[in-house]
PDB file of N, CA and C in Angstrom:
ATOM      1  N   MET A   1      10.008   7.954  36.500  1.00  0.00           N
ATOM      2  CA  MET A   1       8.828   8.598  36.754  1.00  0.00           C
ATOM      3  C   MET A   1       7.507   8.307  37.426  1.00  0.00           C
ATOM      4  N   ILE A   2       6.699   9.011  38.113  1.00  0.00           N
ATOM      5  CA  ILE A   2       5.627   8.644  39.120  1.00  0.00           C
ATOM      6  C   ILE A   2       4.727   8.662  37.979  1.00  0.00           C
ATOM      7  N   GLY A   3       3.837   8.232  38.073  1.00  0.00           N
ATOM      8  CA  GLY A   3       2.475   8.042  36.946  1.00  0.00           C
ATOM      9  C   GLY A   3       1.835   9.437  37.798  1.00  0.00           C
ATOM     10  N   THR A   4       0.589   9.369  37.027  1.00  0.00           N
ATOM     11  CA  THR A   4       0.026  10.671  36.984  1.00  0.00           C
ATOM     12  C   THR A   4      -0.798  10.276  38.273  1.00  0.00           C
ATOM     13  N   GLU A   5      -1.186   9.066  38.954  1.00  0.00           N
ATOM     14  CA  GLU A   5      -1.914   8.562  39.960  1.00  0.00           C
ATOM     15  C   GLU A   5      -1.795   9.579  41.174  1.00  0.00           C
ATOM     16  N   ARG A   6      -0.635   9.684  41.600  1.00  0.00           N
ATOM     17  CA  ARG A   6       0.342  10.387  42.624  1.00  0.00           C
ATOM     18  C   ARG A   6      -0.161  11.766  42.639  1.00  0.00           C
ATOM     19  N   ILE A   7      -0.556  12.317  41.719  1.00  0.00           N
ATOM     20  CA  ILE A   7      -1.214  13.832  41.494  1.00  0.00           C
ATOM     21  C   ILE A   7      -2.512  14.182  41.636  1.00  0.00           C
ATOM     22  N   SER A   8      -2.931  14.817  42.829  1.00  0.00           N
ATOM     23  CA  SER A   8      -4.279  14.944  43.095  1.00  0.00           C
ATOM     24  C   SER A   8      -4.224  16.516  43.215  1.00  0.00           C
ATOM     25  N   ASP A   9      -5.585  16.868  42.882  1.00  0.00           N
ATOM     26  CA  ASP A   9      -6.365  18.145  42.330  1.00  0.00           C
ATOM     27  C   ASP A   9      -5.650  19.383  43.460  1.00  0.00           C
ATOM     28  N   ASP A  10      -5.430  18.700  44.612  1.00  0.00           N
ATOM     29  CA  ASP A  10      -4.664  20.356  45.440  1.00  0.00           C
ATOM     30  C   ASP A  10      -2.766  20.365  44.869  1.00  0.00           C
ATOM     31  N   THR A  11      -2.175  19.522  44.205  1.00  0.00           N
ATOM     32  CA  THR A  11      -1.148  19.709  44.009  1.00  0.00           C
ATOM     33  C   THR A  11      -0.296  20.664  43.116  1.00  0.00           C
ATOM     34  N   PRO A  12      -0.090  21.545  43.718  1.00  0.00           N
ATOM     35  CA  PRO A  12       0.553  22.696  43.177  1.00  0.00           C
ATOM     36  C   PRO A  12       1.568  22.410  41.730  1.00  0.00           C
ATOM     37  N   LEU A  13       1.696  23.191  40.929  1.00  0.00           N
ATOM     38  CA  LEU A  13       2.407  22.806  39.664  1.00  0.00           C
ATOM     39  C   LEU A  13       3.865  23.210  39.732  1.00  0.00           C
ATOM     40  N   PHE A  14       3.701  23.996  40.453  1.00  0.00           N
ATOM     41  CA  PHE A  14       5.442  23.930  40.736  1.00  0.00           C
ATOM     42  C   PHE A  14       6.298  22.569  41.229  1.00  0.00           C
ATOM     43  N   LYS A  15       5.257  21.997  41.802  1.00  0.00           N
ATOM     44  CA  LYS A  15       5.714  20.618  42.532  1.00  0.00           C
ATOM     45  C   LYS A  15       6.016  19.587  41.908  1.00  0.00           C
ATOM     46  N   LEU A  16       5.690  19.668  40.562  1.00  0.00           N
ATOM     47  CA  LEU A  16       5.578  18.402  39.545  1.00  0.00           C
ATOM     48  C   LEU A  16       7.004  18.272  38.951  1.00  0.00           C
ATOM     49  N   THR A  17       7.541  17.466  38.386  1.00  0.00           N
ATOM     50  CA  THR A  17       8.725  17.212  37.860  1.00  0.00           C
ATOM     51  C   THR A  17       8.333  17.361  36.597  1.00  0.00           C
ATOM     52  N   VAL A  18       9.052  17.632  35.043  1.00  0.00           N
ATOM     53  CA  VAL A  18       8.807  17.939  34.220  1.00  0.00           C
ATOM     54  C   VAL A  18       8.154  16.259  33.650  1.00  0.00           C
ATOM     55  N   GLY A  19       8.638  15.263  33.634  1.00  0.00           N
ATOM     56  CA  GLY A  19       7.912  14.019  33.508  1.00  0.00           C
ATOM     57  C   GLY A  19       6.718  13.899  33.805  1.00  0.00           C
ATOM     58  N   GLU A  20       6.329  14.480  34.924  1.00  0.00           N
ATOM     59  CA  GLU A  20       5.003  14.251  35.436  1.00  0.00           C
ATOM     60  C   GLU A  20       3.797  15.142  35.030  1.00  0.00           C
ATOM     61  N   LEU A  21       4.398  16.560  34.780  1.00  0.00           N
ATOM     62  CA  LEU A  21       3.824  17.406  33.779  1.00  0.00           C
ATOM     63  C   LEU A  21       3.211  17.283  32.327  1.00  0.00           C
ATOM     64  N   LYS A  22       4.235  16.153  31.726  1.00  0.00           N
ATOM     65  CA  LYS A  22       4.305  15.664  30.303  1.00  0.00           C
ATOM     66  C   LYS A  22       2.903  14.752  30.167  1.00  0.00           C
ATOM     67  N   ALA A  23       3.698  13.861  31.307  1.00  0.00           N
ATOM     68  CA  ALA A  23       2.558  12.495  31.394  1.00  0.00           C
ATOM     69  C   ALA A  23       1.158  13.221  31.803  1.00  0.00           C
ATOM     70  N   LEU A  24       0.901  13.911  32.610  1.00  0.00           N
ATOM     71  CA  LEU A  24      -0.263  15.318  32.997  1.00  0.00           C
ATOM     72  C   LEU A  24      -0.765  15.392  31.736  1.00  0.00           C
ATOM     73  N   ILE A  25      -0.382  16.037  31.053  1.00  0.00           N
ATOM     74  CA  ILE A  25      -0.744  16.688  30.126  1.00  0.00           C
ATOM     75  C   ILE A  25      -1.050  15.677  28.643  1.00  0.00           C
ATOM     76  N   GLN A  26      -0.537  14.764  28.633  1.00  0.00           N
ATOM     77  CA  GLN A  26      -0.713  13.662  27.750  1.00  0.00           C
ATOM     78  C   GLN A  26      -1.994  12.859  27.867  1.00  0.00           C
ATOM     79  N   SER A  27      -1.936  12.724  28.860  1.00  0.00           N
ATOM     80  CA  SER A  27      -3.108  11.916  29.724  1.00  0.00           C
ATOM     81  C   SER A  27      -4.856  12.888  29.268  1.00  0.00           C
ATOM     82  N   TYR A  28      -4.414  13.756  29.249  1.00  0.00           N
ATOM     83  CA  TYR A  28      -5.987  14.621  28.786  1.00  0.00           C
ATOM     84  C   TYR A  28      -5.969  15.061  27.555  1.00  0.00           C
ATOM     85  N   LEU A  29      -4.977  14.240  26.286  1.00  0.00           N
ATOM     86  CA  LEU A  29      -4.844  14.885  25.136  1.00  0.00           C
ATOM     87  C   LEU A  29      -5.384  13.734  24.564  1.00  0.00           C
ATOM     88  N   PRO A  30      -6.502  13.633  23.706  1.00  0.00           N
ATOM     89  CA  PRO A  30      -6.779  12.475  22.759  1.00  0.00           C
ATOM     90  C   PRO A  30      -5.210  11.883  21.443  1.00  0.00           C
ATOM     91  N   GLU A  31      -5.194  10.971  21.778  1.00  0.00           N
ATOM     92  CA  GLU A  31      -4.257  10.150  20.755  1.00  0.00           C
ATOM     93  C   GLU A  31      -4.461  10.098  19.527  1.00  0.00           C
ATOM     94  N   GLN A  32      -3.252  10.645  18.804  1.00  0.00           N
ATOM     95  CA  GLN A  32      -3.191  10.882  17.226  1.00  0.00           C
ATOM     96  C   GLN A  32      -3.119  10.080  16.664  1.00  0.00           C
ATOM     97  N   LYS A  33      -3.971   9.353  15.622  1.00  0.00           N
ATOM     98  CA  LYS A  33      -3.527   8.105  14.690  1.00  0.00           C
ATOM     99  C   LYS A  33      -3.179   8.629  13.435  1.00  0.00           C
ATOM    100  N   SER A  34      -2.189   8.278  12.717  1.00  0.00           N
ATOM    101  CA  SER A  34      -1.552   8.654  11.961  1.00  0.00           C
ATOM    102  C   SER A  34      -2.207   7.786  10.247  1.00  0.00           C
ATOM    103  N   VAL A  35      -2.814   6.461  10.853  1.00  0.00           N
ATOM    104  CA  VAL A  35      -3.014   5.681  10.255  1.00  0.00           C
ATOM    105  C   VAL A  35      -4.120   6.049   8.884  1.00  0.00           C
ATOM    106  N   GLY A  36      -4.763   6.975   9.413  1.00  0.00           N
ATOM    107  CA  GLY A  36      -5.967   7.292   7.907  1.00  0.00           C
ATOM    108  C   GLY A  36      -5.229   8.525   7.414  1.00  0.00           C
ATOM    109  N   GLN A  37      -3.933   9.014   7.975  1.00  0.00           N
ATOM    110  CA  GLN A  37      -3.391  10.411   7.117  1.00  0.00           C
ATOM    111  C   GLN A  37      -3.075  10.026   5.647  1.00  0.00           C
ATOM    112  N   LYS A  38      -3.221  10.656   4.730  1.00  0.00           N
ATOM    113  CA  LYS A  38      -2.635  10.751   3.563  1.00  0.00           C
ATOM    114  C   LYS A  38      -1.589  11.347   3.215  1.00  0.00           C
ATOM    115  N   LYS A  39      -0.654  11.178   2.545  1.00  0.00           N
ATOM    116  CA  LYS A  39       0.628  11.983   2.088  1.00  0.00           C
ATOM    117  C   LYS A  39       0.080  12.709   0.981  1.00  0.00           C
ATOM    118  N   LEU A  40       0.082  14.146   1.207  1.00  0.00           N
ATOM    119  CA  LEU A  40      -0.210  14.875  -0.231  1.00  0.00           C
ATOM    120  C   LEU A  40       1.213  15.352  -0.751  1.00  0.00           C
ATOM    121  N   VAL A  41       1.091  15.503  -1.970  1.00  0.00           N
ATOM    122  CA  VAL A  41       2.373  16.242  -2.765  1.00  0.00           C
ATOM    123  C   VAL A  41       1.445  17.111  -3.324  1.00  0.00           C
ATOM    124  N   TYR A  42       1.953  18.668  -3.502  1.00  0.00           N
ATOM    125  CA  TYR A  42       1.337  19.573  -4.496  1.00  0.00           C
ATOM    126  C   TYR A  42       1.660  19.770  -5.592  1.00  0.00           C
ATOM    127  N   GLY A  43       1.164  20.628  -6.734  1.00  0.00           N
ATOM    128  CA  GLY A  43       1.466  20.815  -7.772  1.00  0.00           C
ATOM    129  C   GLY A  43       2.699  19.629  -9.092  1.00  0.00           C
ATOM    130  N   LEU A  44       2.608  20.131 -10.041  1.00  0.00           N
ATOM    131  CA  LEU A  44       3.925  19.584 -11.048  1.00  0.00           C
ATOM    132  C   LEU A  44       5.186  19.264 -10.396  1.00  0.00           C
ATOM    133  N   GLN A  45       5.538  20.185  -9.535  1.00  0.00           N
ATOM    134  CA  GLN A  45       7.146  19.643  -9.155  1.00  0.00           C
ATOM    135  C   GLN A  45       6.892  18.868  -8.409  1.00  0.00           C
ATOM    136  N   GLY A  46       6.460  19.059  -7.479  1.00  0.00           N
ATOM    137  CA  GLY A  46       5.431  17.751  -6.316  1.00  0.00           C
ATOM    138  C   GLY A  46       5.737  16.452  -6.835  1.00  0.00           C
ATOM    139  N   LEU A  47       4.596  16.165  -8.220  1.00  0.00           N
ATOM    140  CA  LEU A  47       4.722  15.074  -8.461  1.00  0.00           C
ATOM    141  C   LEU A  47       5.810  14.966  -9.363  1.00  0.00           C
ATOM    142  N   ALA A  48       6.640  15.494  -9.843  1.00  0.00           N
ATOM    143  CA  ALA A  48       8.035  15.475 -10.309  1.00  0.00           C
ATOM    144  C   ALA A  48       8.929  14.734  -9.463  1.00  0.00           C
ATOM    145  N   ASP A  49       9.002  15.223  -8.235  1.00  0.00           N
ATOM    146  CA  ASP A  49      10.149  15.060  -7.135  1.00  0.00           C
ATOM    147  C   ASP A  49       9.476  13.326  -6.669  1.00  0.00           C
ATOM    148  N   LEU A  50       8.106  13.631  -6.459  1.00  0.00           N
ATOM    149  CA  LEU A  50       7.640  11.484  -6.409  1.00  0.00           C
ATOM    150  C   LEU A  50       8.179  10.780  -6.974  1.00  0.00           C
ATOM    151  N   LEU A  51       8.275  10.900  -8.388  1.00  0.00           N
ATOM    152  CA  LEU A  51       8.243   9.894  -9.190  1.00  0.00           C
ATOM    153  C   LEU A  51       9.693   9.975  -9.885  1.00  0.00           C
ATOM    154  N   ARG A  52      10.639  11.058  -9.271  1.00  0.00           N
ATOM    155  CA  ARG A  52      12.096  11.597  -9.782  1.00  0.00           C
ATOM    156  C   ARG A  52      12.004  11.503 -11.347  1.00  0.00           C
ATOM    157  N   CYS A  53      11.306  12.810 -11.785  1.00  0.00           N
ATOM    158  CA  CYS A  53      11.649  12.788 -13.041  1.00  0.00           C
ATOM    159  C   CYS A  53      11.282  14.771 -13.185  1.00  0.00           C
ATOM    160  N   THR A  54      11.637  14.817 -14.606  1.00  0.00           N
ATOM    161  CA  THR A  54      11.409  16.130 -14.877  1.00  0.00           C
ATOM    162  C   THR A  54      10.122  16.352 -14.757  1.00  0.00           C
ATOM    163  N   LYS A  55       9.927  18.078 -14.355  1.00  0.00           N
ATOM    164  CA  LYS A  55       8.986  18.711 -14.101  1.00  0.00           C
ATOM    165  C   LYS A  55       8.096  18.574 -15.639  1.00  0.00           C
ATOM    166  N   ARG A  56       8.454  18.422 -16.501  1.00  0.00           N
ATOM    167  CA  ARG A  56       7.888  18.034 -18.075  1.00  0.00           C
ATOM    168  C   ARG A  56       7.305  16.685 -18.787  1.00  0.00           C
ATOM    169  N   HIS A  57       7.909  15.664 -17.894  1.00  0.00           N
ATOM    170  CA  HIS A  57       7.614  14.458 -17.867  1.00  0.00           C
ATOM    171  C   HIS A  57       6.849  14.221 -16.775  1.00  0.00           C
ATOM    172  N   ALA A  58       6.351  14.808 -15.949  1.00  0.00           N
ATOM    173  CA  ALA A  58       5.009  15.008 -14.790  1.00  0.00           C
ATOM    174  C   ALA A  58       3.975  15.216 -15.952  1.00  0.00           C
ATOM    175  N   SER A  59       4.478  16.216 -16.360  1.00  0.00           N
ATOM    176  CA  SER A  59       2.941  17.006 -16.775  1.00  0.00           C
ATOM    177  C   SER A  59       2.491  16.010 -18.105  1.00  0.00           C
ATOM    178  N   LYS A  60       3.380  15.629 -18.559  1.00  0.00           N
ATOM    179  CA  LYS A  60       3.046  14.179 -19.896  1.00  0.00           C
ATOM    180  C   LYS A  60       2.328  12.834 -18.825  1.00  0.00           C
ATOM    181  N   ILE A  61       3.000  12.765 -17.823  1.00  0.00           N
ATOM    182  CA  ILE A  61       2.083  11.638 -17.134  1.00  0.00           C
ATOM    183  C   ILE A  61       0.621  12.065 -16.671  1.00  0.00           C
ATOM    184  N   LYS A  62       0.599  12.856 -15.974  1.00  0.00           N
ATOM    185  CA  LYS A  62      -0.467  13.553 -15.716  1.00  0.00           C
ATOM    186  C   LYS A  62      -1.559  13.715 -16.449  1.00  0.00           C
ATOM    187  N   SER A  63      -1.169  14.150 -17.925  1.00  0.00           N
ATOM    188  CA  SER A  63      -2.238  14.316 -18.829  1.00  0.00           C
ATOM    189  C   SER A  63      -2.394  12.828 -19.659  1.00  0.00           C
ATOM    190  N   SER A  64      -1.868  11.843 -19.483  1.00  0.00           N
ATOM    191  CA  SER A  64      -2.347  10.789 -19.740  1.00  0.00           C
ATOM    192  C   SER A  64      -2.957   9.877 -19.128  1.00  0.00           C
ATOM    193  N   GLY A  65      -3.726  10.345 -18.174  1.00  0.00           N
ATOM    194  CA  GLY A  65      -4.750  10.069 -17.029  1.00  0.00           C
ATOM    195  C   GLY A  65      -4.623   8.604 -16.319  1.00  0.00           C
ATOM    196  N   ILE A  66      -3.296   8.394 -16.496  1.00  0.00           N
ATOM    197  CA  ILE A  66      -2.916   7.018 -15.520  1.00  0.00           C
ATOM    198  C   ILE A  66      -3.093   7.444 -14.157  1.00  0.00           C
ATOM    199  N   LEU A  67      -2.635   8.484 -13.745  1.00  0.00           N
ATOM    200  CA  LEU A  67      -3.194   8.710 -12.025  1.00  0.00           C
ATOM    201  C   LEU A  67      -4.434   9.747 -11.796  1.00  0.00           C
ATOM    202  N   ASP A  68      -5.468   9.777 -12.664  1.00  0.00           N
ATOM    203  CA  ASP A  68      -6.611  10.800 -12.514  1.00  0.00           C
ATOM    204  C   ASP A  68      -7.274  10.144 -11.025  1.00  0.00           C
ATOM    205  N   GLU A  69      -7.042   8.728 -10.619  1.00  0.00           N
ATOM    206  CA  GLU A  69      -7.522   8.823  -9.197  1.00  0.00           C
ATOM    207  C   GLU A  69      -6.926   9.445  -8.089  1.00  0.00           C
ATOM    208  N   ALA A  70      -5.689   9.309  -8.246  1.00  0.00           N
ATOM    209  CA  ALA A  70      -5.032  10.733  -7.496  1.00  0.00           C
ATOM    210  C   ALA A  70      -4.738  11.321  -7.342  1.00  0.00           C
ATOM    211  N   ILE A  71      -5.162  12.463  -8.546  1.00  0.00           N
ATOM    212  CA  ILE A  71      -5.273  13.780  -8.818  1.00  0.00           C
ATOM    213  C   ILE A  71      -6.116  14.500  -8.499  1.00  0.00           C
ATOM    214  N   LYS A  72      -6.214  15.357  -7.882  1.00  0.00           N
ATOM    215  CA  LYS A  72      -7.739  16.665  -7.544  1.00  0.00           C
ATOM    216  C   LYS A  72      -6.875  18.040  -8.077  1.00  0.00           C
ATOM    217  N   GLN A  73      -7.770  18.523  -9.105  1.00  0.00           N
ATOM    218  CA  GLN A  73      -7.392  19.674  -9.843  1.00  0.00           C
ATOM    219  C   GLN A  73      -8.543  20.825  -9.365  1.00  0.00           C
ATOM    220  N   ARG A  74      -8.344  21.722  -9.101  1.00  0.00           N
ATOM    221  CA  ARG A  74      -9.076  22.835  -8.977  1.00  0.00           C
ATOM    222  C   ARG A  74      -8.526  24.252  -9.586  1.00  0.00           C
ATOM    223  N   GLY A  75      -9.013  24.806 -10.845  1.00  0.00           N
ATOM    224  CA  GLY A  75      -7.844  26.147 -11.410  1.00  0.00           C
ATOM    225  C   GLY A  75      -6.550  25.313 -11.614  1.00  0.00           C
ATOM    226  N   ARG A  76      -5.730  26.063 -10.816  1.00  0.00           N
ATOM    227  CA  ARG A  76      -4.273  25.978 -11.347  1.00  0.00           C
ATOM    228  C   ARG A  76      -3.540  25.030  -9.842  1.00  0.00           C
ATOM    229  N   THR A  77      -4.453  24.916  -9.112  1.00  0.00           N
ATOM    230  CA  THR A  77      -3.778  24.058  -7.691  1.00  0.00           C
ATOM    231  C   THR A  77      -3.986  22.564  -8.209  1.00  0.00           C
ATOM    232  N   ILE A  78      -2.792  21.891  -7.862  1.00  0.00           N
ATOM    233  CA  ILE A  78      -2.737  20.394  -7.923  1.00  0.00           C
ATOM    234  C   ILE A  78      -2.406  19.624  -6.836  1.00  0.00           C
ATOM    235  N   VAL A  79      -3.621  18.617  -5.908  1.00  0.00           N
ATOM    236  CA  VAL A  79      -3.063  17.930  -5.234  1.00  0.00           C
ATOM    237  C   VAL A  79      -3.115  16.696  -5.067  1.00  0.00           C
ATOM    238  N   ILE A  80      -2.054  15.929  -4.924  1.00  0.00           N
ATOM    239  CA  ILE A  80      -2.190  14.603  -5.420  1.00  0.00           C
ATOM    240  C   ILE A  80      -1.159  13.394  -4.069  1.00  0.00           C
ATOM    241  N   ASP A  81      -2.634  12.280  -4.196  1.00  0.00           N
ATOM    242  CA  ASP A  81      -2.255  11.317  -2.938  1.00  0.00           C
ATOM    243  C   ASP A  81      -1.129  10.727  -3.441  1.00  0.00           C
ATOM    244  N   SER A  82       0.359  10.628  -2.789  1.00  0.00           N
ATOM    245  CA  SER A  82       1.302  10.212  -2.995  1.00  0.00           C
ATOM    246  C   SER A  82       0.855   8.927  -3.418  1.00  0.00           C
ATOM    247  N   ASP A  83       0.651   8.192  -2.275  1.00  0.00           N
ATOM    248  CA  ASP A  83       0.579   6.700  -2.124  1.00  0.00           C
ATOM    249  C   ASP A  83      -0.261   5.952  -3.135  1.00  0.00           C
ATOM    250  N   LEU A  84      -1.526   6.596  -3.434  1.00  0.00           N
ATOM    251  CA  LEU A  84      -2.534   5.985  -4.520  1.00  0.00           C
ATOM    252  C   LEU A  84      -1.746   6.358  -5.805  1.00  0.00           C
ATOM    253  N   ALA A  85      -1.014   7.414  -5.908  1.00  0.00           N
ATOM    254  CA  ALA A  85      -0.189   7.690  -7.365  1.00  0.00           C
ATOM    255  C   ALA A  85       0.553   6.443  -7.434  1.00  0.00           C
ATOM    256  N   LEU A  86       1.709   6.686  -6.392  1.00  0.00           N
ATOM    257  CA  LEU A  86       2.479   5.831  -6.716  1.00  0.00           C
ATOM    258  C   LEU A  86       2.308   4.252  -6.920  1.00  0.00           C
ATOM    259  N   GLU A  87       0.946   3.488  -6.453  1.00  0.00           N
ATOM    260  CA  GLU A  87       0.188   2.362  -6.683  1.00  0.00           C
ATOM    261  C   GLU A  87      -0.189   2.561  -7.656  1.00  0.00           C
ATOM    262  N   LEU A  88      -0.757   3.721  -8.283  1.00  0.00           N
ATOM    263  CA  LEU A  88      -1.212   3.658  -9.995  1.00  0.00           C
ATOM    264  C   LEU A  88      -0.154   3.574 -10.759  1.00  0.00           C
ATOM    265  N   PHE A  89       0.882   4.695 -10.217  1.00  0.00           N
ATOM    266  CA  PHE A  89       1.877   4.229 -11.636  1.00  0.00           C
ATOM    267  C   PHE A  89       2.590   2.839 -11.430  1.00  0.00           C
ATOM    268  N   GLY A  90       2.556   1.968 -10.666  1.00  0.00           N
ATOM    269  CA  GLY A  90       3.246   0.739 -10.570  1.00  0.00           C
ATOM    270  C   GLY A  90       2.132  -0.372 -11.272  1.00  0.00           C
ATOM    271  N   LYS A  91       1.068   0.165 -11.019  1.00  0.00           N
ATOM    272  CA  LYS A  91       0.485  -0.925 -12.000  1.00  0.00           C
ATOM    273  C   LYS A  91       0.075  -0.700 -13.530  1.00  0.00           C
ATOM    274  N   ARG A  92       0.931   0.888 -14.417  1.00  0.00           N
ATOM    275  CA  ARG A  92       0.776   0.366 -15.716  1.00  0.00           C
ATOM    276  C   ARG A  92       1.463  -0.452 -16.119  1.00  0.00           C
ATOM    277  N   ASP A  93       0.848  -0.469 -17.209  1.00  0.00           N
ATOM    278  CA  ASP A  93       1.082  -1.665 -18.298  1.00  0.00           C
ATOM    279  C   ASP A  93       1.604  -1.393 -19.535  1.00  0.00           C
TER     280      ASP A  93
END
């Protein structure tokens, strides 16, 4: 694949190969960093799936306060940071 250095501003798009077009587009897009992204789960069913337990047991764990730092709740909407929840659940004594 030839890099974007060969492509001038006067080059028609139909003369580009698929690889050259991809390289050209990616050279103008900012790089996405997934390091800072959180993995989120939603609701009691999401927590139950994360901890591999029943929904009722997930509700008991949530109510116990073990995972308070990982859980954000507004009304009936529950959002859980899964990495932090697993870390807090693992530190349980």
